[in-house]
Amino acid sequence: MGLSTHVLDTMHGTPAAGMAVALYTTQGGQATLVRRFELNADGRAGAALYGDGELKAGTYRLVFDVAAYFRKRGVELPDPPFLDQVALDFGIAAPGQHYHVPLLCSPWSYSTYRGS
């Protein structure tokens, strides 16, 4: 069923359009880049990161470029920023199911969960 992501900017109450994101597979402490992308106007990757039948059991990492996004929005951040890049490591145990990994973030906090 695939893998998708969505980011909401809780500081402005909007989708995080334009945020840069990188997707990695991970194994034994090593990360291998799968792809980089920018979120669309809805704060989504656009297409599924992995489509039907492509997702494999294993461990993955999404890295969200939070500080660059907020700077681009005109938010004045300290140097170094409190949150720069947010990395979420997660596991896929049942690749036949859909995994949605949302991020809610501000320059000072973030949360995530397994969505639908």
PDB file of N, CA and C in Angstrom:
ATOM      1  N   MET A   1       0.818  -1.197   0.000  1.00  0.00           N
ATOM      2  CA  MET A   1       0.000   0.000   0.000  1.00  0.00           C
ATOM      3  C   MET A   1       0.856   1.253   0.000  1.00  0.00           C
ATOM      4  N   GLY A   2       2.108   1.189   0.474  1.00  0.00           N
ATOM      5  CA  GLY A   2       2.997   2.311   0.297  1.00  0.00           C
ATOM      6  C   GLY A   2       3.341   3.106   1.537  1.00  0.00           C
ATOM      7  N   LEU A   3       4.082   4.177   1.293  1.00  0.00           N
ATOM      8  CA  LEU A   3       4.576   5.080   2.326  1.00  0.00           C
ATOM      9  C   LEU A   3       4.332   6.503   1.875  1.00  0.00           C
ATOM     10  N   SER A   4       3.810   7.333   2.776  1.00  0.00           N
ATOM     11  CA  SER A   4       3.578   8.743   2.464  1.00  0.00           C
ATOM     12  C   SER A   4       3.919   9.592   3.683  1.00  0.00           C
ATOM     13  N   THR A   5       4.044  10.905   3.449  1.00  0.00           N
ATOM     14  CA  THR A   5       4.315  11.842   4.539  1.00  0.00           C
ATOM     15  C   THR A   5       3.558  13.137   4.298  1.00  0.00           C
ATOM     16  N   HIS A   6       3.425  13.913   5.354  1.00  0.00           N
ATOM     17  CA  HIS A   6       2.695  15.180   5.324  1.00  0.00           C
ATOM     18  C   HIS A   6       3.246  16.024   6.466  1.00  0.00           C
ATOM     19  N   VAL A   7       3.489  17.309   6.236  1.00  0.00           N
ATOM     20  CA  VAL A   7       4.013  18.175   7.294  1.00  0.00           C
ATOM     21  C   VAL A   7       3.098  19.376   7.476  1.00  0.00           C
ATOM     22  N   LEU A   8       2.755  19.627   8.740  1.00  0.00           N
ATOM     23  CA  LEU A   8       1.971  20.808   9.091  1.00  0.00           C
ATOM     24  C   LEU A   8       2.834  21.761   9.911  1.00  0.00           C
ATOM     25  N   ASP A   9       2.840  23.006   9.529  1.00  0.00           N
ATOM     26  CA  ASP A   9       3.552  24.083  10.210  1.00  0.00           C
ATOM     27  C   ASP A   9       2.617  24.595  11.306  1.00  0.00           C
ATOM     28  N   THR A  10       2.882  24.203  12.543  1.00  0.00           N
ATOM     29  CA  THR A  10       1.988  24.589  13.638  1.00  0.00           C
ATOM     30  C   THR A  10       2.197  26.028  14.091  1.00  0.00           C
ATOM     31  N   MET A  11       3.297  26.649  13.698  1.00  0.00           N
ATOM     32  CA  MET A  11       3.517  28.053  14.037  1.00  0.00           C
ATOM     33  C   MET A  11       2.561  28.952  13.239  1.00  0.00           C
ATOM     34  N   HIS A  12       2.407  28.618  11.955  1.00  0.00           N
ATOM     35  CA  HIS A  12       1.576  29.440  11.081  1.00  0.00           C
ATOM     36  C   HIS A  12       0.202  28.836  10.823  1.00  0.00           C
ATOM     37  N   GLY A  13      -0.003  27.586  11.243  1.00  0.00           N
ATOM     38  CA  GLY A  13      -1.284  26.932  11.014  1.00  0.00           C
ATOM     39  C   GLY A  13      -1.532  26.583   9.556  1.00  0.00           C
ATOM     40  N   THR A  14      -0.459  26.191   8.853  1.00  0.00           N
ATOM     41  CA  THR A  14      -0.557  25.892   7.424  1.00  0.00           C
ATOM     42  C   THR A  14       0.227  24.623   7.090  1.00  0.00           C
ATOM     43  N   PRO A  15      -0.014  24.061   5.902  1.00  0.00           N
ATOM     44  CA  PRO A  15       0.873  23.002   5.432  1.00  0.00           C
ATOM     45  C   PRO A  15       2.274  23.581   5.213  1.00  0.00           C
ATOM     46  N   ALA A  16       3.296  22.763   5.361  1.00  0.00           N
ATOM     47  CA  ALA A  16       4.684  23.223   5.224  1.00  0.00           C
ATOM     48  C   ALA A  16       5.137  23.145   3.771  1.00  0.00           C
ATOM     49  N   ALA A  17       4.479  23.899   2.910  1.00  0.00           N
ATOM     50  CA  ALA A  17       4.797  23.917   1.483  1.00  0.00           C
ATOM     51  C   ALA A  17       6.240  24.359   1.267  1.00  0.00           C
ATOM     52  N   GLY A  18       6.954  23.615   0.442  1.00  0.00           N
ATOM     53  CA  GLY A  18       8.328  23.974   0.106  1.00  0.00           C
ATOM     54  C   GLY A  18       9.384  23.393   1.021  1.00  0.00           C
ATOM     55  N   MET A  19       8.997  22.701   2.092  1.00  0.00           N
ATOM     56  CA  MET A  19      10.008  22.108   2.975  1.00  0.00           C
ATOM     57  C   MET A  19      10.752  20.996   2.237  1.00  0.00           C
ATOM     58  N   ALA A  20      12.075  20.979   2.393  1.00  0.00           N
ATOM     59  CA  ALA A  20      12.901  19.927   1.808  1.00  0.00           C
ATOM     60  C   ALA A  20      12.913  18.717   2.733  1.00  0.00           C
ATOM     61  N   VAL A  21      12.830  17.528   2.127  1.00  0.00           N
ATOM     62  CA  VAL A  21      12.785  16.272   2.877  1.00  0.00           C
ATOM     63  C   VAL A  21      13.676  15.266   2.166  1.00  0.00           C
ATOM     64  N   ALA A  22      14.317  14.397   2.933  1.00  0.00           N
ATOM     65  CA  ALA A  22      15.100  13.298   2.362  1.00  0.00           C
ATOM     66  C   ALA A  22      14.615  11.993   2.974  1.00  0.00           C
ATOM     67  N   LEU A  23      14.543  10.964   2.149  1.00  0.00           N
ATOM     68  CA  LEU A  23      14.135   9.626   2.574  1.00  0.00           C
ATOM     69  C   LEU A  23      15.332   8.687   2.451  1.00  0.00           C
ATOM     70  N   TYR A  24      15.577   7.918   3.511  1.00  0.00           N
ATOM     71  CA  TYR A  24      16.686   6.965   3.544  1.00  0.00           C
ATOM     72  C   TYR A  24      16.167   5.592   3.949  1.00  0.00           C
ATOM     73  N   THR A  25      16.861   4.556   3.506  1.00  0.00           N
ATOM     74  CA  THR A  25      16.731   3.242   4.124  1.00  0.00           C
ATOM     75  C   THR A  25      17.879   3.161   5.127  1.00  0.00           C
ATOM     76  N   THR A  26      17.681   2.431   6.208  1.00  0.00           N
ATOM     77  CA  THR A  26      18.743   2.305   7.213  1.00  0.00           C
ATOM     78  C   THR A  26      18.955   0.833   7.541  1.00  0.00           C
ATOM     79  N   GLN A  27      20.210   0.519   7.843  1.00  0.00           N
ATOM     80  CA  GLN A  27      20.539  -0.843   8.243  1.00  0.00           C
ATOM     81  C   GLN A  27      21.871  -0.812   8.978  1.00  0.00           C
ATOM     82  N   GLY A  28      21.850  -1.316  10.212  1.00  0.00           N
ATOM     83  CA  GLY A  28      23.083  -1.414  10.990  1.00  0.00           C
ATOM     84  C   GLY A  28      23.806  -0.085  11.161  1.00  0.00           C
ATOM     85  N   GLY A  29      23.071   0.987  11.356  1.00  0.00           N
ATOM     86  CA  GLY A  29      23.688   2.295  11.553  1.00  0.00           C
ATOM     87  C   GLY A  29      24.044   3.027  10.261  1.00  0.00           C
ATOM     88  N   GLN A  30      23.888   2.387   9.130  1.00  0.00           N
ATOM     89  CA  GLN A  30      24.171   3.010   7.828  1.00  0.00           C
ATOM     90  C   GLN A  30      22.874   3.498   7.205  1.00  0.00           C
ATOM     91  N   ALA A  31      22.911   4.675   6.626  1.00  0.00           N
ATOM     92  CA  ALA A  31      21.749   5.245   5.946  1.00  0.00           C
ATOM     93  C   ALA A  31      22.067   5.392   4.462  1.00  0.00           C
ATOM     94  N   THR A  32      21.142   4.960   3.620  1.00  0.00           N
ATOM     95  CA  THR A  32      21.304   5.065   2.172  1.00  0.00           C
ATOM     96  C   THR A  32      20.192   5.945   1.622  1.00  0.00           C
ATOM     97  N   LEU A  33      20.580   7.022   0.961  1.00  0.00           N
ATOM     98  CA  LEU A  33      19.597   7.960   0.408  1.00  0.00           C
ATOM     99  C   LEU A  33      18.771   7.277  -0.683  1.00  0.00           C
ATOM    100  N   VAL A  34      17.450   7.401  -0.561  1.00  0.00           N
ATOM    101  CA  VAL A  34      16.530   6.900  -1.579  1.00  0.00           C
ATOM    102  C   VAL A  34      16.155   8.034  -2.517  1.00  0.00           C
ATOM    103  N   ARG A  35      15.765   9.181  -1.923  1.00  0.00           N
ATOM    104  CA  ARG A  35      15.414  10.349  -2.734  1.00  0.00           C
ATOM    105  C   ARG A  35      15.264  11.587  -1.868  1.00  0.00           C
ATOM    106  N   ARG A  36      15.415  12.727  -2.502  1.00  0.00           N
ATOM    107  CA  ARG A  36      15.143  14.029  -1.894  1.00  0.00           C
ATOM    108  C   ARG A  36      13.949  14.627  -2.639  1.00  0.00           C
ATOM    109  N   PHE A  37      13.137  15.388  -1.913  1.00  0.00           N
ATOM    110  CA  PHE A  37      11.981  16.003  -2.545  1.00  0.00           C
ATOM    111  C   PHE A  37      11.567  17.225  -1.746  1.00  0.00           C
ATOM    112  N   GLU A  38      10.709  18.025  -2.347  1.00  0.00           N
ATOM    113  CA  GLU A  38      10.164  19.212  -1.698  1.00  0.00           C
ATOM    114  C   GLU A  38       8.661  19.028  -1.568  1.00  0.00           C
ATOM    115  N   LEU A  39       8.123  19.425  -0.431  1.00  0.00           N
ATOM    116  CA  LEU A  39       6.690  19.265  -0.194  1.00  0.00           C
ATOM    117  C   LEU A  39       5.877  20.231  -1.046  1.00  0.00           C
ATOM    118  N   ASN A  40       4.736  19.769  -1.525  1.00  0.00           N
ATOM    119  CA  ASN A  40       3.886  20.595  -2.375  1.00  0.00           C
ATOM    120  C   ASN A  40       3.046  21.574  -1.538  1.00  0.00           C
ATOM    121  N   ALA A  41       2.125  22.261  -2.175  1.00  0.00           N
ATOM    122  CA  ALA A  41       1.306  23.282  -1.504  1.00  0.00           C
ATOM    123  C   ALA A  41       0.470  22.718  -0.362  1.00  0.00           C
ATOM    124  N   ASP A  42       0.186  21.411  -0.400  1.00  0.00           N
ATOM    125  CA  ASP A  42      -0.574  20.761   0.672  1.00  0.00           C
ATOM    126  C   ASP A  42       0.336  20.200   1.756  1.00  0.00           C
ATOM    127  N   GLY A  43       1.661  20.450   1.665  1.00  0.00           N
ATOM    128  CA  GLY A  43       2.604  19.927   2.640  1.00  0.00           C
ATOM    129  C   GLY A  43       2.854  18.436   2.470  1.00  0.00           C
ATOM    130  N   ARG A  44       2.598  17.929   1.282  1.00  0.00           N
ATOM    131  CA  ARG A  44       2.757  16.498   1.000  1.00  0.00           C
ATOM    132  C   ARG A  44       3.841  16.274  -0.056  1.00  0.00           C
ATOM    133  N   ALA A  45       4.293  15.034  -0.132  1.00  0.00           N
ATOM    134  CA  ALA A  45       5.317  14.681  -1.111  1.00  0.00           C
ATOM    135  C   ALA A  45       4.751  14.646  -2.524  1.00  0.00           C
ATOM    136  N   GLY A  46       3.471  14.705  -2.669  1.00  0.00           N
ATOM    137  CA  GLY A  46       2.843  14.586  -3.983  1.00  0.00           C
ATOM    138  C   GLY A  46       2.436  13.142  -4.203  1.00  0.00           C
ATOM    139  N   ALA A  47       3.318  12.358  -4.771  1.00  0.00           N
ATOM    140  CA  ALA A  47       3.066  10.929  -4.967  1.00  0.00           C
ATOM    141  C   ALA A  47       3.567  10.157  -3.749  1.00  0.00           C
ATOM    142  N   ALA A  48       3.125   8.918  -3.632  1.00  0.00           N
ATOM    143  CA  ALA A  48       3.602   8.061  -2.546  1.00  0.00           C
ATOM    144  C   ALA A  48       5.112   7.884  -2.660  1.00  0.00           C
ATOM    145  N   LEU A  49       5.793   7.840  -1.529  1.00  0.00           N
ATOM    146  CA  LEU A  49       7.244   7.651  -1.525  1.00  0.00           C
ATOM    147  C   LEU A  49       7.609   6.249  -2.001  1.00  0.00           C
ATOM    148  N   TYR A  50       6.781   5.300  -1.650  1.00  0.00           N
ATOM    149  CA  TYR A  50       6.832   3.942  -2.184  1.00  0.00           C
ATOM    150  C   TYR A  50       5.403   3.587  -2.541  1.00  0.00           C
ATOM    151  N   GLY A  51       5.190   3.067  -3.722  1.00  0.00           N
ATOM    152  CA  GLY A  51       3.855   2.693  -4.145  1.00  0.00           C
ATOM    153  C   GLY A  51       3.520   1.260  -3.780  1.00  0.00           C
ATOM    154  N   ASP A  52       2.374   0.797  -4.245  1.00  0.00           N
ATOM    155  CA  ASP A  52       1.925  -0.574  -3.995  1.00  0.00           C
ATOM    156  C   ASP A  52       2.991  -1.572  -4.426  1.00  0.00           C
ATOM    157  N   GLY A  53       3.339  -2.475  -3.523  1.00  0.00           N
ATOM    158  CA  GLY A  53       4.295  -3.535  -3.827  1.00  0.00           C
ATOM    159  C   GLY A  53       5.754  -3.135  -3.784  1.00  0.00           C
ATOM    160  N   GLU A  54       6.062  -1.843  -3.642  1.00  0.00           N
ATOM    161  CA  GLU A  54       7.459  -1.383  -3.630  1.00  0.00           C
ATOM    162  C   GLU A  54       8.055  -1.342  -2.231  1.00  0.00           C
ATOM    163  N   LEU A  55       7.231  -1.118  -1.227  1.00  0.00           N
ATOM    164  CA  LEU A  55       7.710  -0.974   0.145  1.00  0.00           C
ATOM    165  C   LEU A  55       8.141  -2.334   0.689  1.00  0.00           C
ATOM    166  N   LYS A  56       9.299  -2.385   1.325  1.00  0.00           N
ATOM    167  CA  LYS A  56       9.840  -3.616   1.904  1.00  0.00           C
ATOM    168  C   LYS A  56       9.902  -3.482   3.421  1.00  0.00           C
ATOM    169  N   ALA A  57       9.819  -4.606   4.109  1.00  0.00           N
ATOM    170  CA  ALA A  57      10.011  -4.596   5.561  1.00  0.00           C
ATOM    171  C   ALA A  57      11.424  -4.111   5.843  1.00  0.00           C
ATOM    172  N   GLY A  58      11.572  -3.328   6.901  1.00  0.00           N
ATOM    173  CA  GLY A  58      12.891  -2.815   7.255  1.00  0.00           C
ATOM    174  C   GLY A  58      12.782  -1.501   7.985  1.00  0.00           C
ATOM    175  N   THR A  59      13.917  -0.806   8.073  1.00  0.00           N
ATOM    176  CA  THR A  59      13.963   0.464   8.794  1.00  0.00           C
ATOM    177  C   THR A  59      14.261   1.596   7.823  1.00  0.00           C
ATOM    178  N   TYR A  60      13.672   2.751   8.130  1.00  0.00           N
ATOM    179  CA  TYR A  60      13.727   3.910   7.247  1.00  0.00           C
ATOM    180  C   TYR A  60      13.958   5.164   8.072  1.00  0.00           C
ATOM    181  N   ARG A  61      14.340   6.232   7.392  1.00  0.00           N
ATOM    182  CA  ARG A  61      14.528   7.540   8.030  1.00  0.00           C
ATOM    183  C   ARG A  61      14.011   8.623   7.090  1.00  0.00           C
ATOM    184  N   LEU A  62      13.195   9.513   7.631  1.00  0.00           N
ATOM    185  CA  LEU A  62      12.807  10.739   6.938  1.00  0.00           C
ATOM    186  C   LEU A  62      13.502  11.896   7.650  1.00  0.00           C
ATOM    187  N   VAL A  63      14.152  12.774   6.891  1.00  0.00           N
ATOM    188  CA  VAL A  63      14.839  13.935   7.456  1.00  0.00           C
ATOM    189  C   VAL A  63      14.181  15.184   6.871  1.00  0.00           C
ATOM    190  N   PHE A  64      13.618  15.989   7.770  1.00  0.00           N
ATOM    191  CA  PHE A  64      12.889  17.198   7.400  1.00  0.00           C
ATOM    192  C   PHE A  64      13.751  18.421   7.696  1.00  0.00           C
ATOM    193  N   ASP A  65      13.944  19.296   6.717  1.00  0.00           N
ATOM    194  CA  ASP A  65      14.799  20.479   6.876  1.00  0.00           C
ATOM    195  C   ASP A  65      13.979  21.631   7.468  1.00  0.00           C
ATOM    196  N   VAL A  66      13.724  21.514   8.768  1.00  0.00           N
ATOM    197  CA  VAL A  66      12.822  22.413   9.477  1.00  0.00           C
ATOM    198  C   VAL A  66      13.359  23.846   9.546  1.00  0.00           C
ATOM    199  N   ALA A  67      14.610  24.034   9.953  1.00  0.00           N
ATOM    200  CA  ALA A  67      15.157  25.395  10.106  1.00  0.00           C
ATOM    201  C   ALA A  67      15.167  26.149   8.778  1.00  0.00           C
ATOM    202  N   ALA A  68      15.607  25.499   7.709  1.00  0.00           N
ATOM    203  CA  ALA A  68      15.640  26.174   6.401  1.00  0.00           C
ATOM    204  C   ALA A  68      14.235  26.582   5.964  1.00  0.00           C
ATOM    205  N   TYR A  69      13.262  25.727   6.243  1.00  0.00           N
ATOM    206  CA  TYR A  69      11.871  26.048   5.903  1.00  0.00           C
ATOM    207  C   TYR A  69      11.411  27.303   6.644  1.00  0.00           C
ATOM    208  N   PHE A  70      11.637  27.360   7.966  1.00  0.00           N
ATOM    209  CA  PHE A  70      11.167  28.513   8.732  1.00  0.00           C
ATOM    210  C   PHE A  70      11.945  29.784   8.365  1.00  0.00           C
ATOM    211  N   ARG A  71      13.227  29.660   8.079  1.00  0.00           N
ATOM    212  CA  ARG A  71      13.982  30.834   7.617  1.00  0.00           C
ATOM    213  C   ARG A  71      13.400  31.362   6.316  1.00  0.00           C
ATOM    214  N   LYS A  72      13.063  30.441   5.409  1.00  0.00           N
ATOM    215  CA  LYS A  72      12.474  30.833   4.129  1.00  0.00           C
ATOM    216  C   LYS A  72      11.140  31.537   4.335  1.00  0.00           C
ATOM    217  N   ARG A  73      10.442  31.197   5.411  1.00  0.00           N
ATOM    218  CA  ARG A  73       9.173  31.856   5.752  1.00  0.00           C
ATOM    219  C   ARG A  73       9.387  33.185   6.463  1.00  0.00           C
ATOM    220  N   GLY A  74      10.643  33.568   6.707  1.00  0.00           N
ATOM    221  CA  GLY A  74      10.941  34.843   7.335  1.00  0.00           C
ATOM    222  C   GLY A  74      11.015  34.799   8.845  1.00  0.00           C
ATOM    223  N   VAL A  75      11.045  33.612   9.418  1.00  0.00           N
ATOM    224  CA  VAL A  75      11.142  33.481  10.872  1.00  0.00           C
ATOM    225  C   VAL A  75      12.593  33.666  11.289  1.00  0.00           C
ATOM    226  N   GLU A  76      12.828  34.556  12.227  1.00  0.00           N
ATOM    227  CA  GLU A  76      14.179  34.791  12.738  1.00  0.00           C
ATOM    228  C   GLU A  76      14.509  33.699  13.754  1.00  0.00           C
ATOM    229  N   LEU A  77      15.535  32.934  13.455  1.00  0.00           N
ATOM    230  CA  LEU A  77      15.936  31.824  14.318  1.00  0.00           C
ATOM    231  C   LEU A  77      17.299  32.106  14.935  1.00  0.00           C
ATOM    232  N   PRO A  78      17.563  31.575  16.115  1.00  0.00           N
ATOM    233  CA  PRO A  78      18.895  31.725  16.710  1.00  0.00           C
ATOM    234  C   PRO A  78      19.917  30.921  15.905  1.00  0.00           C
ATOM    235  N   ASP A  79      21.189  31.196  16.150  1.00  0.00           N
ATOM    236  CA  ASP A  79      22.256  30.452  15.485  1.00  0.00           C
ATOM    237  C   ASP A  79      23.120  29.779  16.534  1.00  0.00           C
ATOM    238  N   PRO A  80      23.088  28.489  16.663  1.00  0.00           N
ATOM    239  CA  PRO A  80      22.343  27.541  15.833  1.00  0.00           C
ATOM    240  C   PRO A  80      20.878  27.490  16.239  1.00  0.00           C
ATOM    241  N   PRO A  81      20.016  27.038  15.305  1.00  0.00           N
ATOM    242  CA  PRO A  81      18.595  26.939  15.634  1.00  0.00           C
ATOM    243  C   PRO A  81      18.347  25.811  16.635  1.00  0.00           C
ATOM    244  N   PHE A  82      17.279  25.922  17.396  1.00  0.00           N
ATOM    245  CA  PHE A  82      16.922  24.861  18.336  1.00  0.00           C
ATOM    246  C   PHE A  82      16.662  23.561  17.583  1.00  0.00           C
ATOM    247  N   LEU A  83      15.846  23.619  16.530  1.00  0.00           N
ATOM    248  CA  LEU A  83      15.633  22.482  15.633  1.00  0.00           C
ATOM    249  C   LEU A  83      16.178  22.845  14.270  1.00  0.00           C
ATOM    250  N   ASP A  84      17.078  22.031  13.757  1.00  0.00           N
ATOM    251  CA  ASP A  84      17.625  22.259  12.420  1.00  0.00           C
ATOM    252  C   ASP A  84      16.984  21.264  11.463  1.00  0.00           C
ATOM    253  N   GLN A  85      17.459  20.051  11.491  1.00  0.00           N
ATOM    254  CA  GLN A  85      16.840  18.972  10.724  1.00  0.00           C
ATOM    255  C   GLN A  85      16.229  17.980  11.705  1.00  0.00           C
ATOM    256  N   VAL A  86      15.004  17.590  11.446  1.00  0.00           N
ATOM    257  CA  VAL A  86      14.327  16.601  12.274  1.00  0.00           C
ATOM    258  C   VAL A  86      14.390  15.263  11.550  1.00  0.00           C
ATOM    259  N   ALA A  87      15.040  14.289  12.178  1.00  0.00           N
ATOM    260  CA  ALA A  87      15.155  12.946  11.609  1.00  0.00           C
ATOM    261  C   ALA A  87      14.210  12.007  12.346  1.00  0.00           C
ATOM    262  N   LEU A  88      13.377  11.322  11.593  1.00  0.00           N
ATOM    263  CA  LEU A  88      12.454  10.347  12.161  1.00  0.00           C
ATOM    264  C   LEU A  88      12.856   8.963  11.667  1.00  0.00           C
ATOM    265  N   ASP A  89      13.270   8.102  12.583  1.00  0.00           N
ATOM    266  CA  ASP A  89      13.587   6.713  12.259  1.00  0.00           C
ATOM    267  C   ASP A  89      12.379   5.866  12.600  1.00  0.00           C
ATOM    268  N   PHE A  90      11.983   5.005  11.692  1.00  0.00           N
ATOM    269  CA  PHE A  90      10.800   4.180  11.901  1.00  0.00           C
ATOM    270  C   PHE A  90      10.963   2.848  11.177  1.00  0.00           C
ATOM    271  N   GLY A  91      10.175   1.887  11.620  1.00  0.00           N
ATOM    272  CA  GLY A  91      10.246   0.555  11.039  1.00  0.00           C
ATOM    273  C   GLY A  91       8.977   0.195  10.300  1.00  0.00           C
ATOM    274  N   ILE A  92       9.151  -0.589   9.246  1.00  0.00           N
ATOM    275  CA  ILE A  92       8.046  -1.126   8.468  1.00  0.00           C
ATOM    276  C   ILE A  92       8.018  -2.631   8.716  1.00  0.00           C
ATOM    277  N   ALA A  93       7.009  -3.091   9.441  1.00  0.00           N
ATOM    278  CA  ALA A  93       6.892  -4.514   9.752  1.00  0.00           C
ATOM    279  C   ALA A  93       5.936  -5.227   8.794  1.00  0.00           C
ATOM    280  N   ALA A  94       4.953  -4.515   8.277  1.00  0.00           N
ATOM    281  CA  ALA A  94       3.933  -5.110   7.416  1.00  0.00           C
ATOM    282  C   ALA A  94       3.834  -4.303   6.126  1.00  0.00           C
ATOM    283  N   PRO A  95       4.723  -4.545   5.161  1.00  0.00           N
ATOM    284  CA  PRO A  95       4.768  -3.712   3.957  1.00  0.00           C
ATOM    285  C   PRO A  95       3.505  -3.762   3.096  1.00  0.00           C
ATOM    286  N   GLY A  96       2.608  -4.694   3.361  1.00  0.00           N
ATOM    287  CA  GLY A  96       1.344  -4.735   2.644  1.00  0.00           C
ATOM    288  C   GLY A  96       0.355  -3.691   3.140  1.00  0.00           C
ATOM    289  N   GLN A  97       0.654  -3.066   4.272  1.00  0.00           N
ATOM    290  CA  GLN A  97      -0.192  -2.005   4.819  1.00  0.00           C
ATOM    291  C   GLN A  97       0.331  -0.646   4.358  1.00  0.00           C
ATOM    292  N   HIS A  98      -0.502   0.384   4.501  1.00  0.00           N
ATOM    293  CA  HIS A  98      -0.045   1.743   4.198  1.00  0.00           C
ATOM    294  C   HIS A  98       0.556   2.363   5.460  1.00  0.00           C
ATOM    295  N   TYR A  99       1.700   2.996   5.300  1.00  0.00           N
ATOM    296  CA  TYR A  99       2.352   3.719   6.396  1.00  0.00           C
ATOM    297  C   TYR A  99       2.377   5.198   6.021  1.00  0.00           C
ATOM    298  N   HIS A 100       1.749   6.022   6.852  1.00  0.00           N
ATOM    299  CA  HIS A 100       1.755   7.467   6.670  1.00  0.00           C
ATOM    300  C   HIS A 100       2.496   8.063   7.866  1.00  0.00           C
ATOM    301  N   VAL A 101       3.519   8.884   7.591  1.00  0.00           N
ATOM    302  CA  VAL A 101       4.365   9.448   8.648  1.00  0.00           C
ATOM    303  C   VAL A 101       4.228  10.973   8.614  1.00  0.00           C
ATOM    304  N   PRO A 102       3.279  11.514   9.373  1.00  0.00           N
ATOM    305  CA  PRO A 102       3.110  12.961   9.418  1.00  0.00           C
ATOM    306  C   PRO A 102       4.055  13.609  10.435  1.00  0.00           C
ATOM    307  N   LEU A 103       4.356  14.871  10.200  1.00  0.00           N
ATOM    308  CA  LEU A 103       5.153  15.668  11.132  1.00  0.00           C
ATOM    309  C   LEU A 103       4.409  16.963  11.375  1.00  0.00           C
ATOM    310  N   LEU A 104       4.230  17.312  12.637  1.00  0.00           N
ATOM    311  CA  LEU A 104       3.699  18.616  13.028  1.00  0.00           C
ATOM    312  C   LEU A 104       4.861  19.351  13.668  1.00  0.00           C
ATOM    313  N   CYS A 105       5.184  20.564  13.186  1.00  0.00           N
ATOM    314  CA  CYS A 105       6.391  21.204  13.700  1.00  0.00           C
ATOM    315  C   CYS A 105       6.273  22.716  13.773  1.00  0.00           C
ATOM    316  N   SER A 106       7.106  23.264  14.645  1.00  0.00           N
ATOM    317  CA  SER A 106       7.358  24.696  14.783  1.00  0.00           C
ATOM    318  C   SER A 106       8.873  24.815  14.933  1.00  0.00           C
ATOM    319  N   PRO A 107       9.419  26.008  15.064  1.00  0.00           N
ATOM    320  CA  PRO A 107      10.871  26.113  15.293  1.00  0.00           C
ATOM    321  C   PRO A 107      11.304  25.540  16.641  1.00  0.00           C
ATOM    322  N   TRP A 108      10.339  25.254  17.529  1.00  0.00           N
ATOM    323  CA  TRP A 108      10.663  24.856  18.900  1.00  0.00           C
ATOM    324  C   TRP A 108      10.171  23.469  19.295  1.00  0.00           C
ATOM    325  N   SER A 109       9.363  22.839  18.459  1.00  0.00           N
ATOM    326  CA  SER A 109       8.820  21.533  18.846  1.00  0.00           C
ATOM    327  C   SER A 109       8.371  20.764  17.626  1.00  0.00           C
ATOM    328  N   TYR A 110       8.216  19.445  17.815  1.00  0.00           N
ATOM    329  CA  TYR A 110       7.625  18.621  16.759  1.00  0.00           C
ATOM    330  C   TYR A 110       6.984  17.388  17.390  1.00  0.00           C
ATOM    331  N   SER A 111       6.061  16.795  16.635  1.00  0.00           N
ATOM    332  CA  SER A 111       5.460  15.523  17.029  1.00  0.00           C
ATOM    333  C   SER A 111       5.151  14.744  15.762  1.00  0.00           C
ATOM    334  N   THR A 112       5.030  13.437  15.935  1.00  0.00           N
ATOM    335  CA  THR A 112       4.726  12.557  14.825  1.00  0.00           C
ATOM    336  C   THR A 112       3.906  11.386  15.336  1.00  0.00           C
ATOM    337  N   TYR A 113       3.381  10.612  14.428  1.00  0.00           N
ATOM    338  CA  TYR A 113       2.612   9.432  14.764  1.00  0.00           C
ATOM    339  C   TYR A 113       2.453   8.613  13.485  1.00  0.00           C
ATOM    340  N   ARG A 114       1.964   7.407  13.610  1.00  0.00           N
ATOM    341  CA  ARG A 114       1.649   6.626  12.419  1.00  0.00           C
ATOM    342  C   ARG A 114       0.226   6.978  12.009  1.00  0.00           C
ATOM    343  N   GLY A 115       0.101   7.617  10.884  1.00  0.00           N
ATOM    344  CA  GLY A 115      -1.198   8.026  10.391  1.00  0.00           C
ATOM    345  C   GLY A 115      -1.791   6.979   9.450  1.00  0.00           C
ATOM    346  N   SER A 116      -2.896   7.346   8.825  1.00  0.00           N
ATOM    347  CA  SER A 116      -3.565   6.408   7.918  1.00  0.00           C
ATOM    348  C   SER A 116      -3.544   6.940   6.497  1.00  0.00           C
TER     349      SER A 116
END
